Amino acid sequence: MLKNIFKRGSKLMMAAAMASVVALPLVGSEAEAARGNTQSVFRNVLSSNNIPYTIDEDNDIRISVGDITVYVSINNSDDVVLVWGWIPTSLPRSRWNSACVTCNELNSKLDTQVWLDSDGDIRCQWVFDTDDIAVSPAVAEAAVSRVLNGLQEVKKAFGR
């Protein structure tokens, strides 16, 4: 399963994973429990795949793989999971225009959000709504895989 987390997940895999989760919406206290359980689902997936992580001061999950850092942020009040990461590039301003073109090409190829931030680092994220649903391990794995693999593609595109 560890090998799969670094392979680029297909849209079909993501659709199947999401379909397996959205069978019936949860209501009331079930919905509250689902939101509170989301982080433990992500932690269990990472632990079972022997992927080291820490919990930061904002209660986000932090994953470091070489020079790639990925966070899993779960906003219980908005019922949103944000999986995002970055690669430090130290691109000089003179290369930012071409870097933005490359990011746009990656956006359409990867079906994730890739952009150059104000520090000149390349960021990648995938966001999904968890309103009234429980997140399955397959969805958690696919979300982390999508961002890790996206950042691996960013490294290739930028020759790193």
C-alpha atoms as a PDB file:
ATOM      1  CA  MET A   1       0.000   0.000   0.000  1.00  0.00           C
ATOM      2  CA  LEU A   2       2.950   2.372   0.581  1.00  0.00           C
ATOM      3  CA  LYS A   3       3.854   2.132  -3.109  1.00  0.00           C
ATOM      4  CA  ASN A   4       0.339   3.226  -4.047  1.00  0.00           C
ATOM      5  CA  ILE A   5       0.522   6.365  -1.947  1.00  0.00           C
ATOM      6  CA  PHE A   6       3.308   7.659  -4.181  1.00  0.00           C
ATOM      7  CA  LYS A   7       1.708   6.645  -7.469  1.00  0.00           C
ATOM      8  CA  ARG A   8      -0.453   9.220  -9.194  1.00  0.00           C
ATOM      9  CA  GLY A   9      -4.037   8.325  -8.316  1.00  0.00           C
ATOM     10  CA  SER A  10      -6.436   8.271 -11.218  1.00  0.00           C
ATOM     11  CA  LYS A  11      -9.695  10.167 -11.335  1.00  0.00           C
ATOM     12  CA  LEU A  12     -11.470   6.813 -11.432  1.00  0.00           C
ATOM     13  CA  MET A  13      -9.861   5.729  -8.148  1.00  0.00           C
ATOM     14  CA  MET A  14     -10.887   9.011  -6.526  1.00  0.00           C
ATOM     15  CA  ALA A  15     -14.447   8.711  -7.830  1.00  0.00           C
ATOM     16  CA  ALA A  16     -14.716   5.142  -6.530  1.00  0.00           C
ATOM     17  CA  ALA A  17     -13.311   6.139  -3.152  1.00  0.00           C
ATOM     18  CA  MET A  18     -15.699   9.070  -2.848  1.00  0.00           C
ATOM     19  CA  ALA A  19     -18.656   6.920  -3.923  1.00  0.00           C
ATOM     20  CA  SER A  20     -17.835   4.393  -1.222  1.00  0.00           C
ATOM     21  CA  VAL A  21     -18.085   7.151   1.377  1.00  0.00           C
ATOM     22  CA  VAL A  22     -21.166   9.043   0.329  1.00  0.00           C
ATOM     23  CA  ALA A  23     -23.692   6.248   0.684  1.00  0.00           C
ATOM     24  CA  LEU A  24     -25.934   8.071   3.163  1.00  0.00           C
ATOM     25  CA  PRO A  25     -25.540  11.504   4.703  1.00  0.00           C
ATOM     26  CA  LEU A  26     -25.096  11.637   8.445  1.00  0.00           C
ATOM     27  CA  VAL A  27     -27.236  13.824  10.667  1.00  0.00           C
ATOM     28  CA  GLY A  28     -26.999  15.390  14.115  1.00  0.00           C
ATOM     29  CA  SER A  29     -24.473  13.840  16.462  1.00  0.00           C
ATOM     30  CA  GLU A  30     -23.393  11.363  13.758  1.00  0.00           C
ATOM     31  CA  ALA A  31     -22.209  14.298  11.635  1.00  0.00           C
ATOM     32  CA  GLU A  32     -20.288  15.771  14.581  1.00  0.00           C
ATOM     33  CA  ALA A  33     -18.635  12.416  15.252  1.00  0.00           C
ATOM     34  CA  ALA A  34     -17.676  12.064  11.572  1.00  0.00           C
ATOM     35  CA  ARG A  35     -15.940  15.442  11.559  1.00  0.00           C
ATOM     36  CA  GLY A  36     -14.094  14.655  14.794  1.00  0.00           C
ATOM     37  CA  ASN A  37     -13.038  11.278  13.412  1.00  0.00           C
ATOM     38  CA  THR A  38     -11.584  12.638  10.150  1.00  0.00           C
ATOM     39  CA  GLN A  39      -8.155  13.390  11.577  1.00  0.00           C
ATOM     40  CA  SER A  40      -7.897   9.948  13.163  1.00  0.00           C
ATOM     41  CA  VAL A  41      -8.727   8.358   9.790  1.00  0.00           C
ATOM     42  CA  PHE A  42      -5.842  10.292   8.191  1.00  0.00           C
ATOM     43  CA  ARG A  43      -3.494   9.404  11.076  1.00  0.00           C
ATOM     44  CA  ASN A  44      -4.416   5.710  10.835  1.00  0.00           C
ATOM     45  CA  VAL A  45      -3.792   5.668   7.064  1.00  0.00           C
ATOM     46  CA  LEU A  46      -0.389   7.306   7.505  1.00  0.00           C
ATOM     47  CA  SER A  47       0.567   4.996  10.382  1.00  0.00           C
ATOM     48  CA  SER A  48      -0.531   1.852   8.554  1.00  0.00           C
ATOM     49  CA  ASN A  49       1.628   2.896   5.581  1.00  0.00           C
ATOM     50  CA  ASN A  50       4.608   3.707   7.860  1.00  0.00           C
ATOM     51  CA  ILE A  51       4.576   7.341   6.792  1.00  0.00           C
ATOM     52  CA  PRO A  52       5.902   9.476   9.653  1.00  0.00           C
ATOM     53  CA  TYR A  53       3.912  12.550  10.622  1.00  0.00           C
ATOM     54  CA  THR A  54       3.615  15.052  13.442  1.00  0.00           C
ATOM     55  CA  ILE A  55       0.760  17.165  14.746  1.00  0.00           C
ATOM     56  CA  ASP A  56       1.602  20.873  14.736  1.00  0.00           C
ATOM     57  CA  GLU A  57       0.419  23.656  17.050  1.00  0.00           C
ATOM     58  CA  ASP A  58      -2.664  24.269  14.851  1.00  0.00           C
ATOM     59  CA  ASN A  59      -3.631  20.579  15.192  1.00  0.00           C
ATOM     60  CA  ASP A  60      -2.735  19.963  11.532  1.00  0.00           C
ATOM     61  CA  ILE A  61      -1.044  16.768  10.412  1.00  0.00           C
ATOM     62  CA  ARG A  62       2.446  17.497   9.039  1.00  0.00           C
ATOM     63  CA  ILE A  63       4.131  15.029   6.679  1.00  0.00           C
ATOM     64  CA  SER A  64       7.725  15.531   5.483  1.00  0.00           C
ATOM     65  CA  VAL A  65       9.128  13.519   2.582  1.00  0.00           C
ATOM     66  CA  GLY A  66      12.568  14.817   1.609  1.00  0.00           C
ATOM     67  CA  ASP A  67      12.160  18.467   0.667  1.00  0.00           C
ATOM     68  CA  ILE A  68       8.367  18.104   0.363  1.00  0.00           C
ATOM     69  CA  THR A  69       6.153  19.140   3.262  1.00  0.00           C
ATOM     70  CA  VAL A  70       2.450  18.300   3.231  1.00  0.00           C
ATOM     71  CA  TYR A  71      -0.200  19.352   5.722  1.00  0.00           C
ATOM     72  CA  VAL A  72      -3.658  17.942   6.330  1.00  0.00           C
ATOM     73  CA  SER A  73      -5.838  20.684   7.798  1.00  0.00           C
ATOM     74  CA  ILE A  74      -9.319  19.765   8.964  1.00  0.00           C
ATOM     75  CA  ASN A  75     -11.669  22.647   9.614  1.00  0.00           C
ATOM     76  CA  ASN A  76     -14.478  21.226  11.728  1.00  0.00           C
ATOM     77  CA  SER A  77     -16.594  24.367  11.651  1.00  0.00           C
ATOM     78  CA  ASP A  78     -16.585  24.543   7.855  1.00  0.00           C
ATOM     79  CA  ASP A  79     -16.497  20.776   7.276  1.00  0.00           C
ATOM     80  CA  VAL A  80     -13.550  21.079   4.887  1.00  0.00           C
ATOM     81  CA  VAL A  81     -10.367  19.032   4.517  1.00  0.00           C
ATOM     82  CA  LEU A  82      -7.428  20.861   2.970  1.00  0.00           C
ATOM     83  CA  VAL A  83      -4.432  18.756   1.944  1.00  0.00           C
ATOM     84  CA  TRP A  84      -1.647  21.062   0.821  1.00  0.00           C
ATOM     85  CA  GLY A  85       2.085  21.204   0.527  1.00  0.00           C
ATOM     86  CA  TRP A  86       4.973  23.047  -1.009  1.00  0.00           C
ATOM     87  CA  ILE A  87       8.453  22.756  -2.356  1.00  0.00           C
ATOM     88  CA  PRO A  88      10.936  25.540  -1.661  1.00  0.00           C
ATOM     89  CA  THR A  89      12.294  26.701  -5.010  1.00  0.00           C
ATOM     90  CA  SER A  90      13.986  30.042  -4.382  1.00  0.00           C
ATOM     91  CA  LEU A  91      13.084  31.014  -7.942  1.00  0.00           C
ATOM     92  CA  PRO A  92      14.374  34.461  -8.846  1.00  0.00           C
ATOM     93  CA  ARG A  93      11.655  36.950  -9.810  1.00  0.00           C
ATOM     94  CA  SER A  94      12.952  36.917 -13.369  1.00  0.00           C
ATOM     95  CA  ARG A  95      11.683  33.297 -13.722  1.00  0.00           C
ATOM     96  CA  TRP A  96       8.262  33.780 -12.098  1.00  0.00           C
ATOM     97  CA  ASN A  97       6.398  34.321 -15.382  1.00  0.00           C
ATOM     98  CA  SER A  98       7.653  31.062 -16.852  1.00  0.00           C
ATOM     99  CA  ALA A  99       7.029  29.310 -13.520  1.00  0.00           C
ATOM    100  CA  CYS A 100       3.393  30.450 -13.612  1.00  0.00           C
ATOM    101  CA  VAL A 101       3.001  29.011 -17.117  1.00  0.00           C
ATOM    102  CA  THR A 102       4.418  25.699 -15.893  1.00  0.00           C
ATOM    103  CA  CYS A 103       2.053  25.771 -12.886  1.00  0.00           C
ATOM    104  CA  ASN A 104      -0.926  26.324 -15.216  1.00  0.00           C
ATOM    105  CA  GLU A 105       0.110  23.344 -17.325  1.00  0.00           C
ATOM    106  CA  LEU A 106       0.395  21.212 -14.186  1.00  0.00           C
ATOM    107  CA  ASN A 107      -3.045  22.357 -13.006  1.00  0.00           C
ATOM    108  CA  SER A 108      -4.714  20.890 -16.057  1.00  0.00           C
ATOM    109  CA  LYS A 109      -2.548  17.752 -16.032  1.00  0.00           C
ATOM    110  CA  LEU A 110      -2.888  16.924 -12.332  1.00  0.00           C
ATOM    111  CA  ASP A 111      -6.417  18.124 -11.556  1.00  0.00           C
ATOM    112  CA  THR A 112      -5.112  19.850  -8.431  1.00  0.00           C
ATOM    113  CA  GLN A 113      -4.298  23.443  -7.609  1.00  0.00           C
ATOM    114  CA  VAL A 114      -0.651  24.297  -8.277  1.00  0.00           C
ATOM    115  CA  TRP A 115       0.702  27.817  -7.973  1.00  0.00           C
ATOM    116  CA  LEU A 116       3.703  29.993  -7.206  1.00  0.00           C
ATOM    117  CA  ASP A 117       3.328  31.669  -3.813  1.00  0.00           C
ATOM    118  CA  SER A 118       4.582  35.111  -2.811  1.00  0.00           C
ATOM    119  CA  ASP A 119       7.889  33.636  -1.553  1.00  0.00           C
ATOM    120  CA  GLY A 120       8.620  31.952  -4.876  1.00  0.00           C
ATOM    121  CA  ASP A 121       7.800  28.469  -3.582  1.00  0.00           C
ATOM    122  CA  ILE A 122       5.570  26.083  -5.537  1.00  0.00           C
ATOM    123  CA  ARG A 123       2.423  25.013  -3.709  1.00  0.00           C
ATOM    124  CA  CYS A 124      -0.054  22.246  -4.426  1.00  0.00           C
ATOM    125  CA  GLN A 125      -3.391  21.585  -2.744  1.00  0.00           C
ATOM    126  CA  TRP A 126      -6.562  19.574  -2.939  1.00  0.00           C
ATOM    127  CA  VAL A 127      -9.643  20.542  -0.960  1.00  0.00           C
ATOM    128  CA  PHE A 128     -12.820  18.585  -0.365  1.00  0.00           C
ATOM    129  CA  ASP A 129     -16.014  19.089   1.584  1.00  0.00           C
ATOM    130  CA  THR A 130     -16.873  16.606   4.327  1.00  0.00           C
ATOM    131  CA  ASP A 131     -20.203  18.117   5.314  1.00  0.00           C
ATOM    132  CA  ASP A 132     -22.263  15.329   6.875  1.00  0.00           C
ATOM    133  CA  ILE A 133     -20.130  12.433   5.605  1.00  0.00           C
ATOM    134  CA  ALA A 134     -17.511  10.204   7.140  1.00  0.00           C
ATOM    135  CA  VAL A 135     -14.132  10.118   5.401  1.00  0.00           C
ATOM    136  CA  SER A 136     -13.018   6.592   4.534  1.00  0.00           C
ATOM    137  CA  PRO A 137      -9.396   5.411   4.624  1.00  0.00           C
ATOM    138  CA  ALA A 138      -9.476   5.152   0.803  1.00  0.00           C
ATOM    139  CA  VAL A 139     -10.381   8.837   0.493  1.00  0.00           C
ATOM    140  CA  ALA A 140      -7.741   9.872   3.051  1.00  0.00           C
ATOM    141  CA  GLU A 141      -5.068   7.887   1.199  1.00  0.00           C
ATOM    142  CA  ALA A 142      -6.154   9.264  -2.170  1.00  0.00           C
ATOM    143  CA  ALA A 143      -6.087  12.857  -0.892  1.00  0.00           C
ATOM    144  CA  VAL A 144      -2.559  12.608   0.529  1.00  0.00           C
ATOM    145  CA  SER A 145      -1.386  10.685  -2.544  1.00  0.00           C
ATOM    146  CA  ARG A 146      -2.801  13.316  -4.868  1.00  0.00           C
ATOM    147  CA  VAL A 147      -0.837  16.128  -3.224  1.00  0.00           C
ATOM    148  CA  LEU A 148       2.387  14.136  -2.707  1.00  0.00           C
ATOM    149  CA  ASN A 149       2.310  12.951  -6.303  1.00  0.00           C
ATOM    150  CA  GLY A 150       1.435  16.439  -7.502  1.00  0.00           C
ATOM    151  CA  LEU A 151       4.486  17.820  -5.749  1.00  0.00           C
ATOM    152  CA  GLN A 152       6.634  15.044  -7.241  1.00  0.00           C
ATOM    153  CA  GLU A 153       5.390  16.153 -10.684  1.00  0.00           C
ATOM    154  CA  VAL A 154       6.200  19.763  -9.752  1.00  0.00           C
ATOM    155  CA  LYS A 155       9.761  18.689  -8.920  1.00  0.00           C
ATOM    156  CA  LYS A 156      10.104  17.011 -12.313  1.00  0.00           C
ATOM    157  CA  ALA A 157       8.644  19.999 -14.167  1.00  0.00           C
ATOM    158  CA  PHE A 158      11.044  22.362 -12.427  1.00  0.00           C
ATOM    159  CA  GLY A 159      14.038  20.061 -12.839  1.00  0.00           C
ATOM    160  CA  ARG A 160      14.522  19.361  -9.144  1.00  0.00           C
END
